[in-house]
């Protein structure tokens, strides 16, 4: 495995990995107990040899210090700490890899150490049997969304992150809630206006695939599950988001196999506590 600092850029699967699951956009948060229950049931069953989480496992991540905060201070703190405990339990039984998304890009070394997961660069290459998969969250390739790309460039900068993390945890949580509310309002307005979400730019993704010497792409972010062909003929697989409250529930997993085949598995919604 190649390691660029703390971020893996290449994972070479051992022969023992016969099923590798990929998920993204689970968007765990305290106000959605149904999706969290389905997620935890899936992790408990662990029907895979390795798990790759390609961004936005959490709806928001305000800093690794949330792991050591008093859970009585805020329901979101207690929720996050419980979710991290479940993930750590899985990582003791199976290899787990986590990539930053556009919501949880502040996941850091403290999170990795507490859970036992390995953090992935974006993009990263997975060599599994006869295929070389390029793995990405996908948001960096949505180049037509100029406002988002400007925002992304700002919040991925070291100065912005240092200033944000210097604020008290309570203020960061309040800002995250306000940002979530604005995002939901914007998405609702876009849907009402019939505006389609911006997709990954095909030529940009194809160029990344060539640069990584990969022959297939899998990503999330766009919430447009399916598969198609990129310019140049390479296959693209797009992951679903997770929402147990949708009708029908959206709880998809994509499984990769060493013979090059892949399959979509819809998980069942679990009963909420």
C-alpha atoms as a PDB file:
ATOM      1  CA  UNK A   1       0.000   0.000   0.000  1.00  0.00           C
ATOM      2  CA  UNK A   2       1.384   3.401  -0.973  1.00  0.00           C
ATOM      3  CA  UNK A   3       1.095   6.003   1.787  1.00  0.00           C
ATOM      4  CA  UNK A   4       1.187   9.753   1.065  1.00  0.00           C
ATOM      5  CA  UNK A   5       1.602  11.009   4.617  1.00  0.00           C
ATOM      6  CA  UNK A   6      -1.496   9.746   6.437  1.00  0.00           C
ATOM      7  CA  UNK A   7      -3.449   9.279   3.213  1.00  0.00           C
ATOM      8  CA  UNK A   8      -3.282   6.090   1.193  1.00  0.00           C
ATOM      9  CA  UNK A   9      -3.059   6.655  -2.549  1.00  0.00           C
ATOM     10  CA  UNK A  10      -3.085   2.985  -3.570  1.00  0.00           C
ATOM     11  CA  UNK A  11      -4.491  -0.152  -1.998  1.00  0.00           C
ATOM     12  CA  UNK A  12      -3.382  -3.494  -3.424  1.00  0.00           C
ATOM     13  CA  UNK A  13      -5.987  -6.032  -2.310  1.00  0.00           C
ATOM     14  CA  UNK A  14      -4.698  -9.355  -0.995  1.00  0.00           C
ATOM     15  CA  UNK A  15      -6.003 -12.561  -2.567  1.00  0.00           C
ATOM     16  CA  UNK A  16      -8.170 -13.180   0.489  1.00  0.00           C
ATOM     17  CA  UNK A  17     -10.435 -10.249  -0.428  1.00  0.00           C
ATOM     18  CA  UNK A  18     -13.264 -11.817  -2.424  1.00  0.00           C
ATOM     19  CA  UNK A  19     -15.855  -9.106  -1.749  1.00  0.00           C
ATOM     20  CA  UNK A  20     -14.988  -5.450  -1.319  1.00  0.00           C
ATOM     21  CA  UNK A  21     -17.900  -3.145  -0.484  1.00  0.00           C
ATOM     22  CA  UNK A  22     -18.029   0.537  -1.422  1.00  0.00           C
ATOM     23  CA  UNK A  23     -20.461   3.064   0.030  1.00  0.00           C
ATOM     24  CA  UNK A  24     -20.679   6.829   0.191  1.00  0.00           C
ATOM     25  CA  UNK A  25     -22.938   9.629   1.384  1.00  0.00           C
ATOM     26  CA  UNK A  26     -24.353   7.847   4.419  1.00  0.00           C
ATOM     27  CA  UNK A  27     -24.690  11.311   6.003  1.00  0.00           C
ATOM     28  CA  UNK A  28     -24.984  10.117   9.599  1.00  0.00           C
ATOM     29  CA  UNK A  29     -26.455  12.660  11.995  1.00  0.00           C
ATOM     30  CA  UNK A  30     -28.479  12.657  15.192  1.00  0.00           C
ATOM     31  CA  UNK A  31     -31.767  13.638  13.524  1.00  0.00           C
ATOM     32  CA  UNK A  32     -31.895  10.502  11.358  1.00  0.00           C
ATOM     33  CA  UNK A  33     -32.051   7.490  13.643  1.00  0.00           C
ATOM     34  CA  UNK A  34     -33.472   5.257  10.899  1.00  0.00           C
ATOM     35  CA  UNK A  35     -30.466   5.587   8.590  1.00  0.00           C
ATOM     36  CA  UNK A  36     -28.069   5.186  11.522  1.00  0.00           C
ATOM     37  CA  UNK A  37     -29.846   1.980  12.567  1.00  0.00           C
ATOM     38  CA  UNK A  38     -29.625   0.580   9.025  1.00  0.00           C
ATOM     39  CA  UNK A  39     -25.947   1.522   8.833  1.00  0.00           C
ATOM     40  CA  UNK A  40     -25.101  -0.097  12.149  1.00  0.00           C
ATOM     41  CA  UNK A  41     -26.995  -3.259  11.193  1.00  0.00           C
ATOM     42  CA  UNK A  42     -24.978  -3.438   7.969  1.00  0.00           C
ATOM     43  CA  UNK A  43     -21.698  -3.014   9.848  1.00  0.00           C
ATOM     44  CA  UNK A  44     -22.724  -5.650  12.361  1.00  0.00           C
ATOM     45  CA  UNK A  45     -23.420  -8.153   9.568  1.00  0.00           C
ATOM     46  CA  UNK A  46     -20.188  -7.165   7.732  1.00  0.00           C
ATOM     47  CA  UNK A  47     -20.819  -9.295   4.603  1.00  0.00           C
ATOM     48  CA  UNK A  48     -17.538  -8.112   3.043  1.00  0.00           C
ATOM     49  CA  UNK A  49     -13.806  -8.689   3.342  1.00  0.00           C
ATOM     50  CA  UNK A  50     -13.010  -4.959   3.266  1.00  0.00           C
ATOM     51  CA  UNK A  51     -15.062  -1.769   3.313  1.00  0.00           C
ATOM     52  CA  UNK A  52     -14.333   1.477   1.465  1.00  0.00           C
ATOM     53  CA  UNK A  53     -16.326   4.545   2.550  1.00  0.00           C
ATOM     54  CA  UNK A  54     -15.950   7.145  -0.206  1.00  0.00           C
ATOM     55  CA  UNK A  55     -16.852  10.335   1.605  1.00  0.00           C
ATOM     56  CA  UNK A  56     -19.629  11.893   3.650  1.00  0.00           C
ATOM     57  CA  UNK A  57     -19.955   9.120   6.193  1.00  0.00           C
ATOM     58  CA  UNK A  58     -21.069  11.931   8.507  1.00  0.00           C
ATOM     59  CA  UNK A  59     -23.392  14.773   7.603  1.00  0.00           C
ATOM     60  CA  UNK A  60     -20.814  17.050   9.178  1.00  0.00           C
ATOM     61  CA  UNK A  61     -17.568  16.676  11.097  1.00  0.00           C
ATOM     62  CA  UNK A  62     -16.500  19.684  13.151  1.00  0.00           C
ATOM     63  CA  UNK A  63     -13.175  18.343  14.396  1.00  0.00           C
ATOM     64  CA  UNK A  64     -11.667  15.274  16.017  1.00  0.00           C
ATOM     65  CA  UNK A  65     -11.972  16.863  19.472  1.00  0.00           C
ATOM     66  CA  UNK A  66     -15.672  15.934  19.370  1.00  0.00           C
ATOM     67  CA  UNK A  67     -14.510  12.427  20.285  1.00  0.00           C
ATOM     68  CA  UNK A  68     -13.325  13.558  23.724  1.00  0.00           C
ATOM     69  CA  UNK A  69     -16.099  16.056  24.495  1.00  0.00           C
ATOM     70  CA  UNK A  70     -18.717  15.516  27.177  1.00  0.00           C
ATOM     71  CA  UNK A  71     -21.607  13.715  25.433  1.00  0.00           C
ATOM     72  CA  UNK A  72     -24.064  15.417  27.770  1.00  0.00           C
ATOM     73  CA  UNK A  73     -23.267  18.793  26.194  1.00  0.00           C
ATOM     74  CA  UNK A  74     -25.022  18.141  22.886  1.00  0.00           C
ATOM     75  CA  UNK A  75     -27.015  15.256  21.354  1.00  0.00           C
ATOM     76  CA  UNK A  76     -24.831  15.417  18.240  1.00  0.00           C
ATOM     77  CA  UNK A  77     -21.717  14.745  20.330  1.00  0.00           C
ATOM     78  CA  UNK A  78     -23.283  11.674  21.913  1.00  0.00           C
ATOM     79  CA  UNK A  79     -24.483  10.458  18.510  1.00  0.00           C
ATOM     80  CA  UNK A  80     -21.080  10.875  16.851  1.00  0.00           C
ATOM     81  CA  UNK A  81     -19.271   9.130  19.684  1.00  0.00           C
ATOM     82  CA  UNK A  82     -21.659   6.172  19.495  1.00  0.00           C
ATOM     83  CA  UNK A  83     -21.294   5.943  15.689  1.00  0.00           C
ATOM     84  CA  UNK A  84     -17.507   6.052  15.987  1.00  0.00           C
ATOM     85  CA  UNK A  85     -17.638   3.263  18.564  1.00  0.00           C
ATOM     86  CA  UNK A  86     -19.581   1.043  16.157  1.00  0.00           C
ATOM     87  CA  UNK A  87     -17.116   1.786  13.354  1.00  0.00           C
ATOM     88  CA  UNK A  88     -14.173   0.988  15.623  1.00  0.00           C
ATOM     89  CA  UNK A  89     -15.779  -2.341  16.476  1.00  0.00           C
ATOM     90  CA  UNK A  90     -15.986  -3.186  12.780  1.00  0.00           C
ATOM     91  CA  UNK A  91     -12.392  -2.094  12.098  1.00  0.00           C
ATOM     92  CA  UNK A  92     -11.186  -4.636  14.632  1.00  0.00           C
ATOM     93  CA  UNK A  93     -12.747  -7.371  12.458  1.00  0.00           C
ATOM     94  CA  UNK A  94     -12.357  -6.077   8.897  1.00  0.00           C
ATOM     95  CA  UNK A  95     -10.125  -3.578   7.054  1.00  0.00           C
ATOM     96  CA  UNK A  96     -11.945  -0.239   6.725  1.00  0.00           C
ATOM     97  CA  UNK A  97     -10.875   2.681   4.549  1.00  0.00           C
ATOM     98  CA  UNK A  98     -12.397   6.163   4.730  1.00  0.00           C
ATOM     99  CA  UNK A  99     -12.163   9.037   2.252  1.00  0.00           C
ATOM    100  CA  UNK A 100     -13.062  12.649   2.952  1.00  0.00           C
ATOM    101  CA  UNK A 101     -16.303  13.968   1.511  1.00  0.00           C
ATOM    102  CA  UNK A 102     -17.567  17.499   1.102  1.00  0.00           C
ATOM    103  CA  UNK A 103     -19.272  17.286   4.503  1.00  0.00           C
ATOM    104  CA  UNK A 104     -16.684  15.492   6.648  1.00  0.00           C
ATOM    105  CA  UNK A 105     -13.395  16.754   5.208  1.00  0.00           C
ATOM    106  CA  UNK A 106     -12.134  17.550   8.728  1.00  0.00           C
ATOM    107  CA  UNK A 107     -11.853  13.878   9.660  1.00  0.00           C
ATOM    108  CA  UNK A 108      -8.270  13.615  10.847  1.00  0.00           C
ATOM    109  CA  UNK A 109      -5.603  11.548  12.506  1.00  0.00           C
ATOM    110  CA  UNK A 110      -7.509  11.493  15.796  1.00  0.00           C
ATOM    111  CA  UNK A 111     -10.519   9.932  14.115  1.00  0.00           C
ATOM    112  CA  UNK A 112      -8.313   7.372  12.347  1.00  0.00           C
ATOM    113  CA  UNK A 113      -6.522   6.463  15.563  1.00  0.00           C
ATOM    114  CA  UNK A 114      -9.750   6.140  17.557  1.00  0.00           C
ATOM    115  CA  UNK A 115     -11.471   3.951  14.964  1.00  0.00           C
ATOM    116  CA  UNK A 116      -8.579   1.977  13.482  1.00  0.00           C
ATOM    117  CA  UNK A 117      -9.559   2.927   9.901  1.00  0.00           C
ATOM    118  CA  UNK A 118      -7.112   4.012   7.192  1.00  0.00           C
ATOM    119  CA  UNK A 119      -7.678   7.373   5.542  1.00  0.00           C
ATOM    120  CA  UNK A 120      -7.695   7.474   1.732  1.00  0.00           C
ATOM    121  CA  UNK A 121      -6.466  10.214  -0.566  1.00  0.00           C
ATOM    122  CA  UNK A 122      -8.974  11.457  -3.130  1.00  0.00           C
ATOM    123  CA  UNK A 123      -8.612   9.928  -5.621  1.00  0.00           C
ATOM    124  CA  UNK A 124      -7.040   6.606  -4.627  1.00  0.00           C
ATOM    125  CA  UNK A 125      -6.549   3.436  -6.644  1.00  0.00           C
ATOM    126  CA  UNK A 126      -7.723  -0.005  -5.588  1.00  0.00           C
ATOM    127  CA  UNK A 127      -6.169  -2.950  -7.396  1.00  0.00           C
ATOM    128  CA  UNK A 128      -8.510  -5.896  -6.942  1.00  0.00           C
ATOM    129  CA  UNK A 129      -7.835  -8.954  -9.056  1.00  0.00           C
ATOM    130  CA  UNK A 130      -8.034  -8.065 -12.715  1.00  0.00           C
ATOM    131  CA  UNK A 131      -9.363  -4.507 -12.251  1.00  0.00           C
ATOM    132  CA  UNK A 132      -7.757  -1.253 -11.181  1.00  0.00           C
ATOM    133  CA  UNK A 133     -10.529   0.879  -9.699  1.00  0.00           C
ATOM    134  CA  UNK A 134     -10.109   4.603  -9.210  1.00  0.00           C
ATOM    135  CA  UNK A 135     -11.978   5.619  -6.061  1.00  0.00           C
ATOM    136  CA  UNK A 136     -13.190   9.174  -5.435  1.00  0.00           C
ATOM    137  CA  UNK A 137     -15.847  11.101  -3.585  1.00  0.00           C
ATOM    138  CA  UNK A 138     -16.398  12.965  -6.852  1.00  0.00           C
ATOM    139  CA  UNK A 139     -17.032  16.528  -5.730  1.00  0.00           C
ATOM    140  CA  UNK A 140     -13.719  17.882  -7.025  1.00  0.00           C
ATOM    141  CA  UNK A 141     -14.746  16.861 -10.548  1.00  0.00           C
ATOM    142  CA  UNK A 142     -18.091  18.720 -10.526  1.00  0.00           C
ATOM    143  CA  UNK A 143     -16.323  21.555 -12.276  1.00  0.00           C
ATOM    144  CA  UNK A 144     -19.463  23.241 -13.648  1.00  0.00           C
ATOM    145  CA  UNK A 145     -20.556  24.121 -10.094  1.00  0.00           C
ATOM    146  CA  UNK A 146     -18.362  27.200  -9.821  1.00  0.00           C
ATOM    147  CA  UNK A 147     -19.794  28.450  -6.520  1.00  0.00           C
ATOM    148  CA  UNK A 148     -19.170  25.094  -4.855  1.00  0.00           C
ATOM    149  CA  UNK A 149     -15.634  24.817  -6.233  1.00  0.00           C
ATOM    150  CA  UNK A 150     -14.787  28.252  -4.812  1.00  0.00           C
ATOM    151  CA  UNK A 151     -16.217  27.200  -1.439  1.00  0.00           C
ATOM    152  CA  UNK A 152     -14.335  23.893  -1.596  1.00  0.00           C
ATOM    153  CA  UNK A 153     -11.050  25.632  -2.308  1.00  0.00           C
ATOM    154  CA  UNK A 154     -11.577  27.914   0.695  1.00  0.00           C
ATOM    155  CA  UNK A 155     -12.510  25.273   3.277  1.00  0.00           C
ATOM    156  CA  UNK A 156      -9.809  22.820   2.191  1.00  0.00           C
ATOM    157  CA  UNK A 157      -7.169  25.470   2.878  1.00  0.00           C
ATOM    158  CA  UNK A 158      -4.995  25.203   5.984  1.00  0.00           C
ATOM    159  CA  UNK A 159      -5.717  28.780   7.131  1.00  0.00           C
ATOM    160  CA  UNK A 160      -9.505  28.360   7.031  1.00  0.00           C
ATOM    161  CA  UNK A 161      -9.359  25.014   8.817  1.00  0.00           C
ATOM    162  CA  UNK A 162      -7.051  26.316  11.534  1.00  0.00           C
ATOM    163  CA  UNK A 163      -9.348  29.289  12.174  1.00  0.00           C
ATOM    164  CA  UNK A 164     -12.452  27.101  12.239  1.00  0.00           C
ATOM    165  CA  UNK A 165     -10.948  24.513  14.585  1.00  0.00           C
ATOM    166  CA  UNK A 166      -9.760  27.253  16.934  1.00  0.00           C
ATOM    167  CA  UNK A 167     -13.382  28.132  17.726  1.00  0.00           C
ATOM    168  CA  UNK A 168     -15.170  26.503  20.676  1.00  0.00           C
ATOM    169  CA  UNK A 169     -16.843  23.206  19.850  1.00  0.00           C
ATOM    170  CA  UNK A 170     -20.295  24.610  20.650  1.00  0.00           C
ATOM    171  CA  UNK A 171     -19.845  27.379  18.071  1.00  0.00           C
ATOM    172  CA  UNK A 172     -18.652  24.925  15.432  1.00  0.00           C
ATOM    173  CA  UNK A 173     -21.684  22.708  16.033  1.00  0.00           C
ATOM    174  CA  UNK A 174     -24.002  25.717  15.730  1.00  0.00           C
ATOM    175  CA  UNK A 175     -22.358  26.762  12.465  1.00  0.00           C
ATOM    176  CA  UNK A 176     -22.675  23.206  11.136  1.00  0.00           C
ATOM    177  CA  UNK A 177     -26.411  23.187  11.900  1.00  0.00           C
ATOM    178  CA  UNK A 178     -26.888  26.529  10.170  1.00  0.00           C
ATOM    179  CA  UNK A 179     -24.933  25.312   7.140  1.00  0.00           C
ATOM    180  CA  UNK A 180     -27.012  22.117   6.983  1.00  0.00           C
ATOM    181  CA  UNK A 181     -30.243  24.140   7.104  1.00  0.00           C
ATOM    182  CA  UNK A 182     -29.078  26.450   4.301  1.00  0.00           C
ATOM    183  CA  UNK A 183     -28.002  23.481   2.212  1.00  0.00           C
ATOM    184  CA  UNK A 184     -31.372  21.785   2.635  1.00  0.00           C
ATOM    185  CA  UNK A 185     -33.204  24.982   1.690  1.00  0.00           C
ATOM    186  CA  UNK A 186     -31.022  25.413  -1.391  1.00  0.00           C
ATOM    187  CA  UNK A 187     -31.542  21.817  -2.499  1.00  0.00           C
ATOM    188  CA  UNK A 188     -35.301  22.113  -2.026  1.00  0.00           C
ATOM    189  CA  UNK A 189     -35.387  25.330  -4.071  1.00  0.00           C
ATOM    190  CA  UNK A 190     -33.332  23.690  -6.833  1.00  0.00           C
ATOM    191  CA  UNK A 191     -35.677  20.689  -6.955  1.00  0.00           C
ATOM    192  CA  UNK A 192     -38.743  22.948  -7.063  1.00  0.00           C
ATOM    193  CA  UNK A 193     -37.202  24.881  -9.939  1.00  0.00           C
ATOM    194  CA  UNK A 194     -36.437  21.661 -11.786  1.00  0.00           C
ATOM    195  CA  UNK A 195     -32.691  22.251 -11.715  1.00  0.00           C
ATOM    196  CA  UNK A 196     -30.690  19.036 -11.996  1.00  0.00           C
ATOM    197  CA  UNK A 197     -27.716  18.664  -9.614  1.00  0.00           C
ATOM    198  CA  UNK A 198     -24.347  19.174 -11.290  1.00  0.00           C
ATOM    199  CA  UNK A 199     -22.725  15.915 -12.371  1.00  0.00           C
ATOM    200  CA  UNK A 200     -19.065  14.955 -12.501  1.00  0.00           C
ATOM    201  CA  UNK A 201     -17.372  16.304 -15.619  1.00  0.00           C
ATOM    202  CA  UNK A 202     -16.697  13.301 -17.839  1.00  0.00           C
ATOM    203  CA  UNK A 203     -13.453  14.450 -19.519  1.00  0.00           C
ATOM    204  CA  UNK A 204     -12.011  15.527 -16.146  1.00  0.00           C
ATOM    205  CA  UNK A 205     -12.800  12.148 -14.585  1.00  0.00           C
ATOM    206  CA  UNK A 206     -11.444  10.317 -17.637  1.00  0.00           C
ATOM    207  CA  UNK A 207      -8.179  12.275 -17.401  1.00  0.00           C
ATOM    208  CA  UNK A 208      -7.844  11.340 -13.719  1.00  0.00           C
ATOM    209  CA  UNK A 209      -8.438   7.714 -14.612  1.00  0.00           C
ATOM    210  CA  UNK A 210      -5.646   7.781 -17.187  1.00  0.00           C
ATOM    211  CA  UNK A 211      -3.271   9.553 -14.803  1.00  0.00           C
ATOM    212  CA  UNK A 212      -3.852   6.864 -12.183  1.00  0.00           C
ATOM    213  CA  UNK A 213      -3.470   4.022 -14.699  1.00  0.00           C
ATOM    214  CA  UNK A 214      -6.908   2.750 -13.670  1.00  0.00           C
ATOM    215  CA  UNK A 215      -9.535   1.130 -15.875  1.00  0.00           C
ATOM    216  CA  UNK A 216     -12.783   1.809 -13.978  1.00  0.00           C
ATOM    217  CA  UNK A 217     -14.125   4.567 -11.734  1.00  0.00           C
ATOM    218  CA  UNK A 218     -16.388   4.474  -8.698  1.00  0.00           C
ATOM    219  CA  UNK A 219     -17.535   7.618  -6.890  1.00  0.00           C
ATOM    220  CA  UNK A 220     -20.343   9.163  -4.861  1.00  0.00           C
ATOM    221  CA  UNK A 221     -21.398  12.745  -4.079  1.00  0.00           C
ATOM    222  CA  UNK A 222     -23.915  13.275  -6.887  1.00  0.00           C
ATOM    223  CA  UNK A 223     -26.635  11.006  -5.421  1.00  0.00           C
ATOM    224  CA  UNK A 224     -27.226   9.655  -8.936  1.00  0.00           C
ATOM    225  CA  UNK A 225     -26.655   5.906  -8.589  1.00  0.00           C
ATOM    226  CA  UNK A 226     -26.029   3.969 -11.766  1.00  0.00           C
ATOM    227  CA  UNK A 227     -23.285   3.252 -14.267  1.00  0.00           C
ATOM    228  CA  UNK A 228     -22.203   4.553 -17.642  1.00  0.00           C
ATOM    229  CA  UNK A 229     -19.146   5.009 -19.832  1.00  0.00           C
ATOM    230  CA  UNK A 230     -16.658   7.862 -19.598  1.00  0.00           C
ATOM    231  CA  UNK A 231     -15.054   9.507 -22.633  1.00  0.00           C
ATOM    232  CA  UNK A 232     -12.492   6.996 -23.811  1.00  0.00           C
ATOM    233  CA  UNK A 233     -14.636   3.995 -22.917  1.00  0.00           C
ATOM    234  CA  UNK A 234     -13.854   3.379 -19.236  1.00  0.00           C
ATOM    235  CA  UNK A 235     -16.713   2.319 -16.963  1.00  0.00           C
ATOM    236  CA  UNK A 236     -18.065   4.618 -14.266  1.00  0.00           C
ATOM    237  CA  UNK A 237     -20.105   3.378 -11.293  1.00  0.00           C
ATOM    238  CA  UNK A 238     -21.910   5.985  -9.172  1.00  0.00           C
ATOM    239  CA  UNK A 239     -22.847   5.206  -5.585  1.00  0.00           C
ATOM    240  CA  UNK A 240     -26.175   6.013  -3.956  1.00  0.00           C
ATOM    241  CA  UNK A 241     -26.638   8.154  -0.904  1.00  0.00           C
ATOM    242  CA  UNK A 242     -28.230   6.529   2.166  1.00  0.00           C
ATOM    243  CA  UNK A 243     -31.686   7.529   3.412  1.00  0.00           C
ATOM    244  CA  UNK A 244     -33.779   4.987   5.284  1.00  0.00           C
ATOM    245  CA  UNK A 245     -36.704   7.426   5.439  1.00  0.00           C
ATOM    246  CA  UNK A 246     -37.072   7.655   1.660  1.00  0.00           C
ATOM    247  CA  UNK A 247     -39.722   5.658  -0.224  1.00  0.00           C
ATOM    248  CA  UNK A 248     -38.313   3.184  -1.047  1.00  0.00           C
ATOM    249  CA  UNK A 249     -35.325   3.424   1.300  1.00  0.00           C
ATOM    250  CA  UNK A 250     -32.009   4.291  -0.367  1.00  0.00           C
ATOM    251  CA  UNK A 251     -29.429   2.060   1.309  1.00  0.00           C
ATOM    252  CA  UNK A 252     -27.287   0.781  -1.527  1.00  0.00           C
ATOM    253  CA  UNK A 253     -23.914  -0.919  -1.384  1.00  0.00           C
ATOM    254  CA  UNK A 254     -21.744  -1.687  -4.423  1.00  0.00           C
ATOM    255  CA  UNK A 255     -19.674  -4.869  -4.088  1.00  0.00           C
ATOM    256  CA  UNK A 256     -16.525  -5.391  -6.148  1.00  0.00           C
ATOM    257  CA  UNK A 257     -15.022  -8.810  -6.889  1.00  0.00           C
ATOM    258  CA  UNK A 258     -11.571  -9.954  -8.077  1.00  0.00           C
ATOM    259  CA  UNK A 259     -12.959 -11.362 -11.332  1.00  0.00           C
ATOM    260  CA  UNK A 260     -13.929  -7.813 -12.352  1.00  0.00           C
ATOM    261  CA  UNK A 261     -17.646  -8.163 -11.683  1.00  0.00           C
ATOM    262  CA  UNK A 262     -19.549  -5.798  -9.436  1.00  0.00           C
ATOM    263  CA  UNK A 263     -23.063  -5.817  -7.996  1.00  0.00           C
ATOM    264  CA  UNK A 264     -25.476  -3.480  -6.236  1.00  0.00           C
ATOM    265  CA  UNK A 265     -26.948  -4.681  -2.952  1.00  0.00           C
ATOM    266  CA  UNK A 266     -29.894  -2.777  -1.449  1.00  0.00           C
ATOM    267  CA  UNK A 267     -29.697  -3.085   2.329  1.00  0.00           C
ATOM    268  CA  UNK A 268     -32.866  -3.503   4.371  1.00  0.00           C
ATOM    269  CA  UNK A 269     -33.950  -0.729   6.692  1.00  0.00           C
ATOM    270  CA  UNK A 270     -33.474  -1.708  10.322  1.00  0.00           C
ATOM    271  CA  UNK A 271     -36.054  -1.022  13.020  1.00  0.00           C
ATOM    272  CA  UNK A 272     -35.180   2.109  14.941  1.00  0.00           C
ATOM    273  CA  UNK A 273     -34.694   1.912  18.694  1.00  0.00           C
END
